[in-house]
Structure formats: structure tokens, C-alpha cells
C-alpha atoms as a PDB file:
ATOM      1  CA  MET A   1     -10.998  19.549 -19.516  1.00  0.00           C
ATOM      2  CA  SER A   2      -8.644  17.709 -21.876  1.00  0.00           C
ATOM      3  CA  LEU A   3     -10.341  16.332 -24.988  1.00  0.00           C
ATOM      4  CA  ALA A   4      -8.613  13.018 -24.322  1.00  0.00           C
ATOM      5  CA  ARG A   5      -9.867  12.699 -20.736  1.00  0.00           C
ATOM      6  CA  PRO A   6     -13.175  10.884 -21.498  1.00  0.00           C
ATOM      7  CA  LEU A   7     -11.283   8.523 -23.809  1.00  0.00           C
ATOM      8  CA  ARG A   8      -8.623   7.763 -21.195  1.00  0.00           C
ATOM      9  CA  GLU A   9     -11.163   7.294 -18.386  1.00  0.00           C
ATOM     10  CA  SER A  10     -13.277   4.968 -20.527  1.00  0.00           C
ATOM     11  CA  ILE A  11     -10.299   2.757 -21.373  1.00  0.00           C
ATOM     12  CA  LEU A  12      -9.199   2.621 -17.734  1.00  0.00           C
ATOM     13  CA  ASP A  13     -12.750   1.779 -16.626  1.00  0.00           C
ATOM     14  CA  GLN A  14     -12.923  -1.087 -19.126  1.00  0.00           C
ATOM     15  CA  LEU A  15      -9.602  -2.451 -17.878  1.00  0.00           C
ATOM     16  CA  HIS A  16     -10.399  -1.998 -14.204  1.00  0.00           C
ATOM     17  CA  SER A  17     -13.836  -3.610 -14.459  1.00  0.00           C
ATOM     18  CA  GLY A  18     -12.448  -6.593 -16.330  1.00  0.00           C
ATOM     19  CA  GLN A  19     -14.654  -6.017 -19.363  1.00  0.00           C
ATOM     20  CA  TRP A  20     -11.442  -5.937 -21.385  1.00  0.00           C
ATOM     21  CA  ARG A  21      -9.173  -8.817 -20.434  1.00  0.00           C
ATOM     22  CA  ALA A  22      -5.646  -9.803 -21.379  1.00  0.00           C
ATOM     23  CA  GLY A  23      -5.478 -10.462 -25.123  1.00  0.00           C
ATOM     24  CA  ASP A  24      -8.724  -8.653 -25.971  1.00  0.00           C
ATOM     25  CA  ARG A  25      -8.557  -6.413 -29.033  1.00  0.00           C
ATOM     26  CA  LEU A  26      -9.383  -2.730 -28.543  1.00  0.00           C
ATOM     27  CA  PRO A  27     -11.478  -0.758 -31.052  1.00  0.00           C
ATOM     28  CA  THR A  28      -9.496   0.777 -33.906  1.00  0.00           C
ATOM     29  CA  GLU A  29      -8.092   4.290 -33.727  1.00  0.00           C
ATOM     30  CA  ARG A  30     -10.803   5.447 -36.130  1.00  0.00           C
ATOM     31  CA  GLU A  31     -13.557   3.887 -34.010  1.00  0.00           C
ATOM     32  CA  LEU A  32     -12.209   5.461 -30.818  1.00  0.00           C
ATOM     33  CA  ALA A  33     -11.818   8.842 -32.506  1.00  0.00           C
ATOM     34  CA  ASP A  34     -15.412   8.746 -33.792  1.00  0.00           C
ATOM     35  CA  THR A  35     -16.834   7.543 -30.475  1.00  0.00           C
ATOM     36  CA  PHE A  36     -15.177  10.251 -28.379  1.00  0.00           C
ATOM     37  CA  GLY A  37     -15.138  13.049 -30.940  1.00  0.00           C
ATOM     38  CA  VAL A  38     -11.378  13.505 -30.944  1.00  0.00           C
ATOM     39  CA  SER A  39      -8.707  13.360 -33.612  1.00  0.00           C
ATOM     40  CA  ARG A  40      -6.802  10.175 -34.369  1.00  0.00           C
ATOM     41  CA  THR A  41      -3.658  11.996 -33.227  1.00  0.00           C
ATOM     42  CA  THR A  42      -5.250  12.428 -29.783  1.00  0.00           C
ATOM     43  CA  VAL A  43      -6.146   8.733 -29.739  1.00  0.00           C
ATOM     44  CA  ARG A  44      -2.593   7.755 -30.689  1.00  0.00           C
ATOM     45  CA  LYS A  45      -1.129   9.861 -27.870  1.00  0.00           C
ATOM     46  CA  ALA A  46      -3.477   8.278 -25.307  1.00  0.00           C
ATOM     47  CA  LEU A  47      -2.692   4.770 -26.532  1.00  0.00           C
ATOM     48  CA  ALA A  48       1.036   5.531 -26.494  1.00  0.00           C
ATOM     49  CA  ASP A  49       0.755   6.503 -22.831  1.00  0.00           C
ATOM     50  CA  PHE A  50      -1.094   3.288 -21.952  1.00  0.00           C
ATOM     51  CA  LYS A  51       1.471   1.262 -23.887  1.00  0.00           C
ATOM     52  CA  GLN A  52       4.271   2.909 -21.903  1.00  0.00           C
ATOM     53  CA  GLN A  53       2.447   1.985 -18.690  1.00  0.00           C
ATOM     54  CA  GLY A  54       2.315  -1.644 -19.816  1.00  0.00           C
ATOM     55  CA  LEU A  55      -1.478  -1.742 -20.089  1.00  0.00           C
ATOM     56  CA  ILE A  56      -1.733  -2.382 -23.837  1.00  0.00           C
ATOM     57  CA  GLU A  57       0.319  -3.867 -26.655  1.00  0.00           C
ATOM     58  CA  GLN A  58       0.306  -2.815 -30.308  1.00  0.00           C
ATOM     59  CA  THR A  59       1.147  -4.973 -33.305  1.00  0.00           C
ATOM     60  CA  VAL A  60       1.537  -3.401 -36.725  1.00  0.00           C
ATOM     61  CA  GLY A  61      -1.139  -4.747 -39.031  1.00  0.00           C
ATOM     62  CA  SER A  62      -3.028  -6.517 -36.236  1.00  0.00           C
ATOM     63  CA  GLY A  63      -4.188  -3.785 -33.884  1.00  0.00           C
ATOM     64  CA  THR A  64      -4.120  -2.882 -30.200  1.00  0.00           C
ATOM     65  CA  PHE A  65      -4.592  -5.491 -27.470  1.00  0.00           C
ATOM     66  CA  VAL A  66      -4.847  -5.600 -23.676  1.00  0.00           C
ATOM     67  CA  ALA A  67      -1.410  -6.558 -22.329  1.00  0.00           C
ATOM     68  CA  GLN A  68      -0.957  -9.854 -20.506  1.00  0.00           C
ATOM     69  CA  ARG A  69       0.094  -8.067 -17.305  1.00  0.00           C
ATOM     70  CA  ALA A  70      -2.521  -5.323 -17.521  1.00  0.00           C
ATOM     71  CA  GLY A  71      -4.344  -6.597 -14.406  1.00  0.00           C
ATOM     72  CA  THR A  72      -1.179  -6.420 -12.320  1.00  0.00           C
ATOM     73  CA  ARG A  73      -0.337  -2.974 -13.693  1.00  0.00           C
ATOM     74  CA  MET A  74      -3.835  -1.704 -12.892  1.00  0.00           C
ATOM     75  CA  GLY A  75      -3.532  -2.976  -9.330  1.00  0.00           C
ATOM     76  CA  GLN A  76      -0.231  -1.155  -8.908  1.00  0.00           C
ATOM     77  CA  ARG A  77      -1.731   2.002 -10.388  1.00  0.00           C
ATOM     78  CA  ILE A  78      -4.734   1.890  -8.044  1.00  0.00           C
ATOM     79  CA  GLN A  79      -2.465   1.248  -5.062  1.00  0.00           C
ATOM     80  CA  HIS A  80      -0.268   4.198  -5.985  1.00  0.00           C
ATOM     81  CA  ASP A  81      -3.253   6.514  -6.506  1.00  0.00           C
ATOM     82  CA  SER A  82      -4.793   5.432  -3.198  1.00  0.00           C
ATOM     83  CA  SER A  83      -1.605   6.027  -1.246  1.00  0.00           C
ATOM     84  CA  GLN A  84      -1.211   9.516  -2.725  1.00  0.00           C
ATOM     85  CA  HIS A  85      -4.629  10.612  -1.410  1.00  0.00           C
ATOM     86  CA  THR A  86      -4.552   9.122   2.105  1.00  0.00           C
ATOM     87  CA  SER A  87      -4.021  11.563   4.962  1.00  0.00           C
ATOM     88  CA  PRO A  88      -2.128  10.657   8.155  1.00  0.00           C
ATOM     89  CA  ALA A  89      -5.433  10.886  10.058  1.00  0.00           C
ATOM     90  CA  ASP A  90      -7.086   8.419   7.667  1.00  0.00           C
ATOM     91  CA  LEU A  91      -4.103   6.098   7.949  1.00  0.00           C
ATOM     92  CA  MET A  92      -4.209   6.132  11.756  1.00  0.00           C
ATOM     93  CA  GLU A  93      -7.951   5.446  11.714  1.00  0.00           C
ATOM     94  CA  ALA A  94      -7.361   2.420   9.483  1.00  0.00           C
ATOM     95  CA  ARG A  95      -4.447   1.195  11.593  1.00  0.00           C
ATOM     96  CA  LEU A  96      -6.493   1.415  14.792  1.00  0.00           C
ATOM     97  CA  ALA A  97      -9.271  -0.602  13.187  1.00  0.00           C
ATOM     98  CA  MET A  98      -7.124  -3.237  11.530  1.00  0.00           C
ATOM     99  CA  GLU A  99      -3.911  -3.885  13.439  1.00  0.00           C
ATOM    100  CA  PRO A 100      -5.502  -5.076  16.708  1.00  0.00           C
ATOM    101  CA  ALA A 101      -8.012  -7.103  14.665  1.00  0.00           C
ATOM    102  CA  ILE A 102      -5.361  -9.291  12.995  1.00  0.00           C
ATOM    103  CA  ILE A 103      -3.573 -10.242  16.209  1.00  0.00           C
ATOM    104  CA  GLU A 104      -5.427 -13.541  16.606  1.00  0.00           C
ATOM    105  CA  LEU A 105      -4.561 -14.505  13.028  1.00  0.00           C
ATOM    106  CA  ALA A 106      -0.921 -13.654  13.638  1.00  0.00           C
ATOM    107  CA  ILE A 107      -0.814 -15.657  16.862  1.00  0.00           C
ATOM    108  CA  ARG A 108      -2.524 -18.643  15.270  1.00  0.00           C
ATOM    109  CA  ASN A 109      -0.339 -18.712  12.152  1.00  0.00           C
ATOM    110  CA  ALA A 110       3.014 -17.151  13.093  1.00  0.00           C
ATOM    111  CA  SER A 111       5.983 -19.427  12.524  1.00  0.00           C
ATOM    112  CA  ALA A 112       9.355 -19.371  14.252  1.00  0.00           C
ATOM    113  CA  SER A 113      10.829 -17.551  11.253  1.00  0.00           C
ATOM    114  CA  ASP A 114       8.043 -14.929  11.465  1.00  0.00           C
ATOM    115  CA  LEU A 115       8.978 -14.233  15.088  1.00  0.00           C
ATOM    116  CA  GLN A 116      12.670 -14.088  14.178  1.00  0.00           C
ATOM    117  CA  ARG A 117      11.833 -11.524  11.496  1.00  0.00           C
ATOM    118  CA  MET A 118       9.990  -9.408  14.092  1.00  0.00           C
ATOM    119  CA  ASP A 119      12.994  -9.597  16.438  1.00  0.00           C
ATOM    120  CA  ALA A 120      15.290  -8.554  13.585  1.00  0.00           C
ATOM    121  CA  CYS A 121      13.074  -5.536  12.820  1.00  0.00           C
ATOM    122  CA  CYS A 122      13.238  -4.502  16.481  1.00  0.00           C
ATOM    123  CA  ASP A 123      17.013  -4.926  16.484  1.00  0.00           C
ATOM    124  CA  GLU A 124      17.417  -2.794  13.359  1.00  0.00           C
ATOM    125  CA  ALA A 125      15.045  -0.094  14.654  1.00  0.00           C
ATOM    126  CA  GLU A 126      16.920   0.156  17.943  1.00  0.00           C
ATOM    127  CA  ALA A 127      20.253   0.371  16.119  1.00  0.00           C
ATOM    128  CA  ALA A 128      19.035   2.964  13.597  1.00  0.00           C
ATOM    129  CA  GLU A 129      21.076   6.146  13.614  1.00  0.00           C
ATOM    130  CA  THR A 130      18.494   8.316  11.856  1.00  0.00           C
ATOM    131  CA  LEU A 131      14.781   8.867  12.251  1.00  0.00           C
ATOM    132  CA  GLU A 132      14.264   7.790   8.634  1.00  0.00           C
ATOM    133  CA  ALA A 133      15.957   4.450   9.286  1.00  0.00           C
ATOM    134  CA  PHE A 134      13.977   3.983  12.499  1.00  0.00           C
ATOM    135  CA  GLU A 135      10.715   4.725  10.672  1.00  0.00           C
ATOM    136  CA  HIS A 136      11.622   2.205   7.965  1.00  0.00           C
ATOM    137  CA  TRP A 137      12.154  -0.599  10.461  1.00  0.00           C
ATOM    138  CA  ASP A 138       9.112   0.477  12.468  1.00  0.00           C
ATOM    139  CA  ALA A 139       7.004   0.009   9.315  1.00  0.00           C
ATOM    140  CA  GLU A 140       8.762  -3.282   8.532  1.00  0.00           C
ATOM    141  CA  LEU A 141       7.868  -4.615  11.987  1.00  0.00           C
ATOM    142  CA  HIS A 142       4.178  -3.879  11.541  1.00  0.00           C
ATOM    143  CA  GLN A 143       4.354  -5.457   8.073  1.00  0.00           C
ATOM    144  CA  ALA A 144       6.059  -8.528   9.581  1.00  0.00           C
ATOM    145  CA  ILE A 145       3.222  -8.895  12.103  1.00  0.00           C
ATOM    146  CA  ALA A 146       0.671  -8.635   9.292  1.00  0.00           C
ATOM    147  CA  ASP A 147       2.575 -11.157   7.166  1.00  0.00           C
ATOM    148  CA  ALA A 148       2.601 -13.552  10.134  1.00  0.00           C
ATOM    149  CA  ALA A 149      -1.163 -13.879   9.669  1.00  0.00           C
ATOM    150  CA  HIS A 150      -0.338 -15.718   6.421  1.00  0.00           C
ATOM    151  CA  ASN A 151      -3.335 -14.187   4.706  1.00  0.00           C
ATOM    152  CA  SER A 152      -2.529 -12.647   1.320  1.00  0.00           C
ATOM    153  CA  PHE A 153      -5.315 -10.035   1.520  1.00  0.00           C
ATOM    154  CA  VAL A 154      -4.147  -8.826   4.933  1.00  0.00           C
ATOM    155  CA  GLY A 155      -0.563  -8.685   3.694  1.00  0.00           C
ATOM    156  CA  ASN A 156      -1.540  -6.623   0.652  1.00  0.00           C
ATOM    157  CA  VAL A 157      -3.555  -4.141   2.713  1.00  0.00           C
ATOM    158  CA  PHE A 158      -0.666  -3.622   5.110  1.00  0.00           C
ATOM    159  CA  GLY A 159       1.650  -3.214   2.149  1.00  0.00           C
ATOM    160  CA  LEU A 160      -0.524  -0.311   1.031  1.00  0.00           C
ATOM    161  CA  MET A 161      -0.427   1.206   4.519  1.00  0.00           C
ATOM    162  CA  LYS A 162       3.361   0.919   4.490  1.00  0.00           C
ATOM    163  CA  THR A 163       3.376   2.776   1.164  1.00  0.00           C
ATOM    164  CA  VAL A 164       1.307   5.586   2.705  1.00  0.00           C
ATOM    165  CA  ARG A 165       3.774   5.807   5.597  1.00  0.00           C
ATOM    166  CA  ALA A 166       6.501   6.505   3.039  1.00  0.00           C
ATOM    167  CA  GLN A 167       4.653   9.602   1.765  1.00  0.00           C
ATOM    168  CA  GLY A 168       5.786  13.108   2.667  1.00  0.00           C
ATOM    169  CA  ASP A 169       2.953  14.106   5.038  1.00  0.00           C
ATOM    170  CA  TRP A 170       3.522  11.158   7.369  1.00  0.00           C
ATOM    171  CA  GLY A 171       7.269  11.678   7.365  1.00  0.00           C
ATOM    172  CA  GLN A 172       6.951  15.370   8.216  1.00  0.00           C
ATOM    173  CA  LEU A 173       4.640  14.610  11.140  1.00  0.00           C
ATOM    174  CA  LYS A 174       6.990  11.925  12.410  1.00  0.00           C
ATOM    175  CA  LYS A 175       9.944  14.346  12.310  1.00  0.00           C
ATOM    176  CA  LYS A 176       7.986  16.879  14.362  1.00  0.00           C
ATOM    177  CA  SER A 177       6.575  14.404  16.867  1.00  0.00           C
ATOM    178  CA  VAL A 178       9.268  11.803  17.568  1.00  0.00           C
ATOM    179  CA  THR A 179      11.536  12.893  20.391  1.00  0.00           C
ATOM    180  CA  PRO A 180      14.319  10.610  21.686  1.00  0.00           C
ATOM    181  CA  GLU A 181      12.086   9.764  24.661  1.00  0.00           C
ATOM    182  CA  ARG A 182       9.151   8.843  22.447  1.00  0.00           C
ATOM    183  CA  ARG A 183      11.344   6.726  20.214  1.00  0.00           C
ATOM    184  CA  LEU A 184      12.542   4.757  23.241  1.00  0.00           C
ATOM    185  CA  ALA A 185       8.926   4.287  24.293  1.00  0.00           C
ATOM    186  CA  TYR A 186       7.984   2.990  20.832  1.00  0.00           C
ATOM    187  CA  GLN A 187      10.907   0.566  20.889  1.00  0.00           C
ATOM    188  CA  ALA A 188       9.868  -0.788  24.283  1.00  0.00           C
ATOM    189  CA  GLN A 189       6.266  -1.153  23.111  1.00  0.00           C
ATOM    190  CA  HIS A 190       7.383  -3.022  20.007  1.00  0.00           C
ATOM    191  CA  ARG A 191       9.356  -5.492  22.132  1.00  0.00           C
ATOM    192  CA  GLN A 192       6.365  -6.017  24.412  1.00  0.00           C
ATOM    193  CA  ILE A 193       4.051  -6.682  21.462  1.00  0.00           C
ATOM    194  CA  VAL A 194       6.466  -9.198  19.937  1.00  0.00           C
ATOM    195  CA  GLY A 195       6.871 -10.846  23.343  1.00  0.00           C
ATOM    196  CA  ALA A 196       3.116 -11.260  23.707  1.00  0.00           C
ATOM    197  CA  LEU A 197       2.920 -12.720  20.207  1.00  0.00           C
ATOM    198  CA  ARG A 198       5.683 -15.194  21.062  1.00  0.00           C
ATOM    199  CA  ASP A 199       3.763 -16.175  24.222  1.00  0.00           C
ATOM    200  CA  ARG A 200       0.625 -16.644  22.072  1.00  0.00           C
ATOM    201  CA  ASP A 201      -1.197 -14.270  24.441  1.00  0.00           C
ATOM    202  CA  ALA A 202      -3.862 -12.805  22.170  1.00  0.00           C
ATOM    203  CA  VAL A 203      -5.513 -10.592  24.794  1.00  0.00           C
ATOM    204  CA  ARG A 204      -2.279  -8.954  25.916  1.00  0.00           C
ATOM    205  CA  ALA A 205      -0.928  -8.605  22.356  1.00  0.00           C
ATOM    206  CA  ARG A 206      -4.135  -6.922  21.230  1.00  0.00           C
ATOM    207  CA  GLU A 207      -4.172  -4.559  24.226  1.00  0.00           C
ATOM    208  CA  LEU A 208      -0.518  -3.634  23.734  1.00  0.00           C
ATOM    209  CA  THR A 209      -1.050  -3.007  20.024  1.00  0.00           C
ATOM    210  CA  LEU A 210      -4.032  -0.743  20.700  1.00  0.00           C
ATOM    211  CA  GLU A 211      -2.175   1.182  23.424  1.00  0.00           C
ATOM    212  CA  HIS A 212       0.810   1.650  21.117  1.00  0.00           C
ATOM    213  CA  LEU A 213      -1.299   2.939  18.235  1.00  0.00           C
ATOM    214  CA  LEU A 214      -3.257   5.305  20.472  1.00  0.00           C
ATOM    215  CA  GLN A 215       0.006   6.791  21.741  1.00  0.00           C
ATOM    216  CA  VAL A 216       1.307   7.158  18.177  1.00  0.00           C
ATOM    217  CA  ARG A 217      -1.908   8.965  17.227  1.00  0.00           C
ATOM    218  CA  ARG A 218      -1.683  11.294  20.230  1.00  0.00           C
ATOM    219  CA  ASN A 219       1.920  12.148  19.425  1.00  0.00           C
ATOM    220  CA  LEU A 220       1.253  12.640  15.719  1.00  0.00           C
ATOM    221  CA  LEU A 221      -2.147  14.275  15.672  1.00  0.00           C
ATOM    222  CA  GLY A 222      -2.698  15.563  19.210  1.00  0.00           C
ATOM    223  CA  TYR A 223      -5.774  13.501  20.146  1.00  0.00           C
END
């Protein structure tokens, strides 16, 4: 184990928990070195890394402080780490639980521009000349439906799911599983879901969303 690991983990824990907030002064290099039993050179290297990540700021003669945007940076870091360790099976499980559940919110809050955005995503997906482009607009459609709920937490969660879909494992499975016939089926299902949302038919939109996701899971994972 790296000698700097306990030091790094402790600093990240303090930032993540909010015990150290923007503008707070960190202990001195000497204090950190003594606390964690490492050299001041090791401390400097760790702090340099955190400074590069935008988590801390250093002022000659004044010390080291938590950066103003440290909270935002930590959120991005956590999101990135989470997406890197999410399997396609875990993602599908989450999608099956969450996407049908937000339909009522989307129907209640969707504006005309939200529905136009969904139509545009369908148009782009149908016109896509590559699987990668189709997958991009497929993900954008599901994000558009989530954003139509006009709930920032829901939007952020779906943003994370979209990030996971951009990872290599999901892409490889999609390449293996999406035939021209299946792509056409997905496109038709997307249009039906958007149509039900436009009609404000919560029951049908939820059923169509669940059926679509179950078919995607069968095609991707075989069950």
C-alpha cells in the first residue's frame, strides 16, 4: 500500500463529508506529515495532485485552503468513480426500477418544448447511420424523458446512467445485440412511448416503457 494512501483518503473523506468546507485552511505540511507518518515530500505530492484536481488552493505564506469549487469537483469525481464500477446488469436493474417510476412526473410536468425535444431525439436516432450515433440519441431520448419531470435529482441520476451507457462494457454488448430488426423495434417503441406521453396516458406510457426495457435487457443480457 502506498504510504500516501491514508493521507489521501483522509483528505478526501474530510472534503466529501463536508467537515472541510470552501475556504477552510488545511493543516500544515508538517502537521500532515507527523499525523500520517510520511515525509513532507510525500505530503507535497499529494497536495499537488489535489490542487491539480481543483480541490484545494495554495497561497505562498498563507497555507493550503479548500477550493471554492471543491464541492462541485467532488461530485464530479464521485459520479465518475460510480460510472466506472457499474456493470450493464446493474444499470439495467436500475433502469427497470426508475424509468417506469418517473413517468407520472414526466406526464405531469412535461412542456411542449420537452415533447419537441423527445421527437427530435427520435428523428436523430432514426436517421443515424451508425450504431454509435443511434445509441447516443437513444440515451438522449431517455434523458429527455427524465428531464421532462423537471426534478433536478431525477435529472442528475439519469445523467449518471447516461454516463454509464457511454462506458465500454455497455457499448460492446450493444454492438453484439443490436441487429437491424431490433433497432427498428426500439425506434418504434420509442415513438410509442413519446406518443403516450403526449397523450398524457400514464398507464400506457408506463407499460410501454417497462416492455421496452425488458426487451432491451433480454437482448443485452439474455434474460
